[in-house]
């Protein structure tokens, strides 16, 4: 009998990519989501239930009859979102995790795959950051980073007390054609924000606005690569009770990203930027070690940043 997978947050940006990958591999998929995130939409081909995942009883009923949970449900956004809604992030994510883990443990799921975040490495000082480093560094200052670290503790606590097998996944700076820009700078992630700015400027000679000095670095990873990695981890016995960074590992300065986006959106306009004050807790460097996923899962990112950006920009142009 085919494995039945329930994906919480499966109507979101990463969730839809994961659901698509699961369906391509022949899994029976259910999506549980409250559709609270702008742009959320039930994926085609999966059973869908719109419920509030902070409700333990409704979560348990929705989980009944499944074998595995991939947990993506969380309050999430860009750095401005972290500043605007820290209490909501902490309180709501904790309630989501409690209901999700209790349902999975009570129904004796084969495994829960918890999709954490690179933000657990917010205070990292040595690079690249290995999976084991999360125990050596100070906890995150942002509510979102702290809530994701708490989710990782849920994994280990429910395994220790109830024997629930887990896998922890930490995606690094996911991007893709279905992620929408925010109404305010920083509410969404940097790639949709910069693409929106560049397309809005059109052929004018106005500079592209950039938060900070542009020397911040990230490792941008296409959402389809991340979805492949999440499903590969779910399928692998080598991933039981393990944690994995999923990333290209290719470090890109934000100023370089801005130039790439500018050149793809406004090729006939000279590149220039206007630097504005960065938001608090804007991490200067984030670079993961990626060898563990390659060695244990046989996974590595395949989509080059320029190719992925071209795809995203084409999708944005079609929606405008």
Protein backbone atom coordinates (compact mmCIF):
# COMPACT_ATOMS: atom_id res chain seq x y z
CA UNK A 1 0.00 0.00 0.00
CA UNK A 2 1.30 3.48 -0.89
CA UNK A 3 2.55 5.61 1.99
CA UNK A 4 0.07 8.28 3.08
CA UNK A 5 1.74 11.60 3.80
CA UNK A 6 0.11 14.58 5.49
CA UNK A 7 1.81 17.91 4.75
CA UNK A 8 1.04 20.75 7.16
CA UNK A 9 1.45 24.15 5.56
CA UNK A 10 1.26 22.36 2.22
CA UNK A 11 -0.55 25.27 0.55
CA UNK A 12 2.41 27.59 1.12
CA UNK A 13 5.45 28.36 -1.01
CA UNK A 14 7.71 25.45 -0.05
CA UNK A 15 4.73 23.25 0.79
CA UNK A 16 3.33 23.27 -2.75
CA UNK A 17 6.73 22.28 -4.14
CA UNK A 18 6.99 19.42 -1.64
CA UNK A 19 3.47 18.21 -2.45
CA UNK A 20 4.28 18.25 -6.16
CA UNK A 21 7.41 16.17 -5.56
CA UNK A 22 5.49 13.67 -3.42
CA UNK A 23 2.77 13.27 -6.04
CA UNK A 24 5.34 12.73 -8.78
CA UNK A 25 6.79 9.90 -6.69
CA UNK A 26 3.42 8.20 -6.24
CA UNK A 27 2.55 9.07 -2.64
CA UNK A 28 -1.00 9.60 -1.40
CA UNK A 29 -0.91 13.18 -0.11
CA UNK A 30 -3.15 15.21 2.17
CA UNK A 31 -2.59 18.91 2.78
CA UNK A 32 -3.63 20.63 5.99
CA UNK A 33 -3.43 24.43 5.95
CA UNK A 34 -5.43 27.41 7.20
CA UNK A 35 -4.66 29.48 4.04
CA UNK A 36 -3.68 32.45 6.22
CA UNK A 37 -0.54 33.23 4.22
CA UNK A 38 -1.00 35.56 1.26
CA UNK A 39 -0.70 33.55 -1.93
CA UNK A 40 -1.52 30.23 -0.24
CA UNK A 41 -3.54 27.91 -2.47
CA UNK A 42 -4.49 24.22 -2.19
CA UNK A 43 -2.17 22.14 -4.41
CA UNK A 44 -3.78 20.28 -7.30
CA UNK A 45 -3.86 16.49 -6.90
CA UNK A 46 -3.82 16.31 -3.11
CA UNK A 47 -6.66 15.96 -0.62
CA UNK A 48 -7.08 19.30 1.15
CA UNK A 49 -8.46 20.27 4.55
CA UNK A 50 -8.61 23.86 5.74
CA UNK A 51 -8.15 23.77 9.49
CA UNK A 52 -6.48 25.69 12.28
CA UNK A 53 -3.47 23.59 13.29
CA UNK A 54 -3.45 25.10 16.77
CA UNK A 55 -6.59 23.03 17.46
CA UNK A 56 -5.36 19.66 18.84
CA UNK A 57 -8.54 17.69 18.17
CA UNK A 58 -9.03 18.89 14.60
CA UNK A 59 -5.35 18.22 13.93
CA UNK A 60 -5.64 14.67 15.28
CA UNK A 61 -8.69 13.96 13.11
CA UNK A 62 -6.97 15.35 10.00
CA UNK A 63 -3.88 13.20 10.70
CA UNK A 64 -5.82 9.96 11.19
CA UNK A 65 -5.11 7.37 8.50
CA UNK A 66 -1.69 8.74 7.56
CA UNK A 67 1.80 7.31 8.03
CA UNK A 68 4.16 10.29 7.88
CA UNK A 69 3.91 14.03 8.55
CA UNK A 70 5.99 16.69 6.81
CA UNK A 71 5.59 19.75 9.01
CA UNK A 72 5.89 23.08 7.19
CA UNK A 73 3.14 25.00 8.99
CA UNK A 74 4.48 28.10 10.76
CA UNK A 75 4.18 31.85 10.95
CA UNK A 76 6.90 33.03 8.57
CA UNK A 77 8.07 36.06 6.58
CA UNK A 78 11.03 38.30 5.89
CA UNK A 79 13.09 40.22 8.43
CA UNK A 80 10.52 43.03 8.78
CA UNK A 81 7.88 40.38 9.51
CA UNK A 82 10.04 39.08 12.39
CA UNK A 83 10.08 42.58 13.90
CA UNK A 84 6.39 43.29 13.34
CA UNK A 85 4.88 40.06 14.69
CA UNK A 86 7.30 38.47 17.23
CA UNK A 87 4.61 37.56 19.77
CA UNK A 88 2.38 35.96 17.13
CA UNK A 89 5.34 33.98 15.80
CA UNK A 90 6.28 32.55 19.20
CA UNK A 91 2.78 31.85 20.47
CA UNK A 92 1.22 30.50 17.28
CA UNK A 93 4.17 28.35 16.24
CA UNK A 94 4.37 26.78 19.69
CA UNK A 95 0.68 25.85 19.54
CA UNK A 96 1.06 24.45 16.01
CA UNK A 97 4.03 22.31 17.07
CA UNK A 98 2.27 21.02 20.19
CA UNK A 99 -0.84 19.91 18.28
CA UNK A 100 1.17 18.47 15.38
CA UNK A 101 3.62 16.45 17.44
CA UNK A 102 0.97 15.13 19.82
CA UNK A 103 -1.17 13.96 16.90
CA UNK A 104 1.78 12.28 15.15
CA UNK A 105 2.96 10.58 18.35
CA UNK A 106 -0.53 9.51 19.42
CA UNK A 107 -1.23 7.97 16.01
CA UNK A 108 2.18 6.24 16.00
CA UNK A 109 3.41 7.81 12.79
CA UNK A 110 6.44 6.23 11.16
CA UNK A 111 8.13 9.61 11.18
CA UNK A 112 7.70 13.35 11.39
CA UNK A 113 9.85 15.46 9.07
CA UNK A 114 10.22 18.87 10.70
CA UNK A 115 11.17 21.66 8.31
CA UNK A 116 13.19 24.04 10.46
CA UNK A 117 15.16 27.05 9.19
CA UNK A 118 18.65 28.36 8.61
CA UNK A 119 17.68 31.01 11.18
CA UNK A 120 18.67 28.59 13.95
CA UNK A 121 22.25 29.54 12.92
CA UNK A 122 21.52 33.24 13.48
CA UNK A 123 24.39 33.59 15.99
CA UNK A 124 26.91 31.43 14.12
CA UNK A 125 30.48 32.76 14.12
CA UNK A 126 32.32 30.01 12.22
CA UNK A 127 31.61 29.03 8.62
CA UNK A 128 30.48 26.93 6.94
CA UNK A 129 27.98 26.01 9.68
CA UNK A 130 27.72 22.26 10.26
CA UNK A 131 24.57 20.60 11.57
CA UNK A 132 26.24 19.84 14.91
CA UNK A 133 27.10 23.54 15.41
CA UNK A 134 23.53 24.33 16.44
CA UNK A 135 24.41 22.93 19.89
CA UNK A 136 27.56 25.05 20.21
CA UNK A 137 26.25 28.52 19.33
CA UNK A 138 24.03 30.94 21.23
CA UNK A 139 20.28 30.65 20.58
CA UNK A 140 18.72 32.99 18.00
CA UNK A 141 17.61 36.48 19.01
CA UNK A 142 14.67 36.66 16.61
CA UNK A 143 11.37 35.14 17.65
CA UNK A 144 11.22 33.19 14.39
CA UNK A 145 14.69 31.68 14.75
CA UNK A 146 13.99 30.80 18.37
CA UNK A 147 10.63 29.22 17.48
CA UNK A 148 12.27 27.04 14.84
CA UNK A 149 14.93 25.95 17.32
CA UNK A 150 12.09 25.12 19.73
CA UNK A 151 10.55 22.97 16.98
CA UNK A 152 13.80 21.01 16.79
CA UNK A 153 13.55 20.45 20.55
CA UNK A 154 10.01 19.15 20.02
CA UNK A 155 11.48 16.55 17.65
CA UNK A 156 13.94 15.27 20.20
CA UNK A 157 11.55 15.51 23.16
CA UNK A 158 8.77 13.54 21.45
CA UNK A 159 11.29 10.96 20.31
CA UNK A 160 12.71 10.59 23.82
CA UNK A 161 9.31 10.36 25.54
CA UNK A 162 7.11 8.67 22.93
CA UNK A 163 9.55 7.07 20.48
CA UNK A 164 8.40 9.25 17.55
CA UNK A 165 11.07 9.04 14.81
CA UNK A 166 12.01 12.41 13.30
CA UNK A 167 14.09 14.10 10.65
CA UNK A 168 15.04 17.79 10.86
CA UNK A 169 15.53 19.77 7.64
CA UNK A 170 17.05 23.27 7.53
CA UNK A 171 16.47 24.94 4.15
CA UNK A 172 18.72 27.89 3.36
CA UNK A 173 17.15 30.88 1.63
CA UNK A 174 14.58 29.19 -0.55
CA UNK A 175 13.35 31.06 -3.61
CA UNK A 176 11.11 30.20 -6.54
CA UNK A 177 8.47 31.44 -8.96
CA UNK A 178 5.48 31.08 -6.62
CA UNK A 179 6.79 33.23 -3.75
CA UNK A 180 5.11 36.65 -3.71
CA UNK A 181 6.69 39.98 -2.73
CA UNK A 182 5.34 41.79 0.32
CA UNK A 183 3.45 45.07 0.49
CA UNK A 184 6.25 46.51 2.63
CA UNK A 185 10.00 46.08 2.20
CA UNK A 186 11.26 43.21 4.34
CA UNK A 187 7.91 41.52 4.92
CA UNK A 188 8.78 38.99 2.22
CA UNK A 189 12.23 37.59 1.41
CA UNK A 190 15.00 39.44 -0.38
CA UNK A 191 14.62 37.92 -3.87
CA UNK A 192 10.92 38.74 -4.36
CA UNK A 193 11.49 42.16 -2.78
CA UNK A 194 14.36 43.02 -5.14
CA UNK A 195 12.57 41.69 -8.23
CA UNK A 196 9.48 43.77 -7.43
CA UNK A 197 11.63 46.88 -6.96
CA UNK A 198 13.50 46.30 -10.22
CA UNK A 199 10.35 45.66 -12.26
CA UNK A 200 8.61 48.68 -10.71
CA UNK A 201 11.54 50.91 -11.73
CA UNK A 202 11.31 49.74 -15.34
CA UNK A 203 13.53 51.74 -17.72
CA UNK A 204 14.00 54.70 -15.38
CA UNK A 205 17.52 55.52 -14.23
CA UNK A 206 16.49 55.40 -10.56
CA UNK A 207 18.79 53.27 -8.37
CA UNK A 208 17.72 49.99 -6.83
CA UNK A 209 17.10 50.38 -3.09
CA UNK A 210 19.13 48.00 -0.94
CA UNK A 211 18.85 47.36 2.80
CA UNK A 212 22.31 47.66 4.34
CA UNK A 213 25.68 47.81 2.60
CA UNK A 214 25.08 44.80 0.36
CA UNK A 215 27.94 42.81 1.85
CA UNK A 216 25.58 40.41 3.64
CA UNK A 217 25.88 36.90 2.21
CA UNK A 218 23.37 34.11 1.69
CA UNK A 219 23.22 30.75 -0.11
CA UNK A 220 20.09 30.91 -2.28
CA UNK A 221 18.51 27.54 -3.03
CA UNK A 222 15.74 26.90 -5.53
CA UNK A 223 12.53 25.59 -3.99
CA UNK A 224 12.43 22.56 -6.30
CA UNK A 225 15.87 21.51 -5.08
CA UNK A 226 14.70 21.92 -1.49
CA UNK A 227 11.54 19.89 -2.17
CA UNK A 228 13.66 17.07 -3.63
CA UNK A 229 15.83 17.12 -0.53
CA UNK A 230 12.90 17.04 1.90
CA UNK A 231 11.32 14.05 0.16
CA UNK A 232 14.69 12.29 -0.16
CA UNK A 233 15.16 12.67 3.60
CA UNK A 234 11.65 11.36 4.28
CA UNK A 235 12.42 8.26 2.21
CA UNK A 236 15.84 7.56 3.70
CA UNK A 237 16.43 5.29 6.69
CA UNK A 238 19.77 7.06 7.08
CA UNK A 239 17.83 10.23 7.91
CA UNK A 240 15.97 8.81 10.93
CA UNK A 241 16.65 10.99 14.00
CA UNK A 242 19.11 13.11 12.01
CA UNK A 243 19.29 16.76 10.92
CA UNK A 244 20.32 18.13 7.53
CA UNK A 245 21.22 21.47 5.97
CA UNK A 246 19.71 21.83 2.48
CA UNK A 247 21.50 24.45 0.41
CA UNK A 248 23.63 25.13 -2.62
CA UNK A 249 26.48 26.11 -0.32
CA UNK A 250 27.33 28.81 -2.89
CA UNK A 251 27.83 32.07 -1.01
CA UNK A 252 26.39 35.16 -2.73
CA UNK A 253 26.71 38.76 -1.56
CA UNK A 254 23.43 40.70 -1.62
CA UNK A 255 25.02 43.34 -3.85
CA UNK A 256 25.86 40.57 -6.34
CA UNK A 257 22.30 39.28 -6.13
CA UNK A 258 21.00 42.81 -6.74
CA UNK A 259 23.18 43.15 -9.85
CA UNK A 260 22.01 39.79 -11.20
CA UNK A 261 18.37 40.76 -10.72
CA UNK A 262 18.96 44.21 -12.20
CA UNK A 263 20.69 42.78 -15.29
CA UNK A 264 17.84 40.32 -15.86
CA UNK A 265 15.07 42.89 -15.27
CA UNK A 266 16.63 46.10 -16.64
CA UNK A 267 19.42 45.12 -19.05
CA UNK A 268 19.49 48.53 -20.79
CA UNK A 269 19.85 50.59 -17.60
CA UNK A 270 23.21 51.12 -15.83
CA UNK A 271 23.34 49.37 -12.47
CA UNK A 272 23.22 51.59 -9.40
CA UNK A 273 21.96 51.15 -5.85
CA UNK A 274 20.81 53.37 -3.01
CA UNK A 275 21.72 51.98 0.39
CA UNK A 276 19.22 52.40 3.22
CA UNK A 277 19.50 51.56 6.90
CA UNK A 278 19.30 47.80 7.50
CA UNK A 279 16.73 46.32 9.84
CA UNK A 280 17.84 45.07 13.26
CA UNK A 281 19.06 41.46 13.38
CA UNK A 282 19.88 41.42 9.65
CA UNK A 283 22.38 38.55 9.64
CA UNK A 284 25.66 39.47 7.95
CA UNK A 285 26.75 35.99 6.91
CA UNK A 286 24.96 32.67 6.53
CA UNK A 287 26.82 29.76 4.93
CA UNK A 288 26.04 26.08 5.60
CA UNK A 289 28.10 22.94 5.32
CA UNK A 290 26.27 20.71 2.83
CA UNK A 291 28.29 17.49 2.91
CA UNK A 292 25.99 15.55 5.23
CA UNK A 293 22.99 15.69 2.86
CA UNK A 294 25.21 14.72 -0.05
CA UNK A 295 26.76 11.76 1.78
CA UNK A 296 23.69 10.38 3.57
CA UNK A 297 20.89 11.33 1.16
CA UNK A 298 22.68 11.51 -2.18
CA UNK A 299 21.23 15.01 -2.55
CA UNK A 300 22.73 18.20 -3.86
CA UNK A 301 21.28 21.37 -5.34
CA UNK A 302 21.14 21.42 -9.14
CA UNK A 303 19.62 24.74 -10.23
CA UNK A 304 22.09 27.60 -10.79
CA UNK A 305 21.13 30.94 -9.26
CA UNK A 306 21.03 32.87 -12.55
CA UNK A 307 18.81 30.22 -14.17
CA UNK A 308 16.49 30.16 -11.17
CA UNK A 309 16.23 33.96 -11.07
CA UNK A 310 15.39 34.09 -14.78
CA UNK A 311 12.54 31.63 -14.16
CA UNK A 312 11.24 33.64 -11.20
CA UNK A 313 11.38 36.95 -13.08
CA UNK A 314 9.52 35.45 -16.05
CA UNK A 315 6.79 34.23 -13.70
CA UNK A 316 6.52 37.65 -12.02
CA UNK A 317 6.22 39.40 -15.38
CA UNK A 318 3.32 37.13 -16.32
CA UNK A 319 1.49 38.00 -13.08
CA UNK A 320 1.85 41.79 -13.44
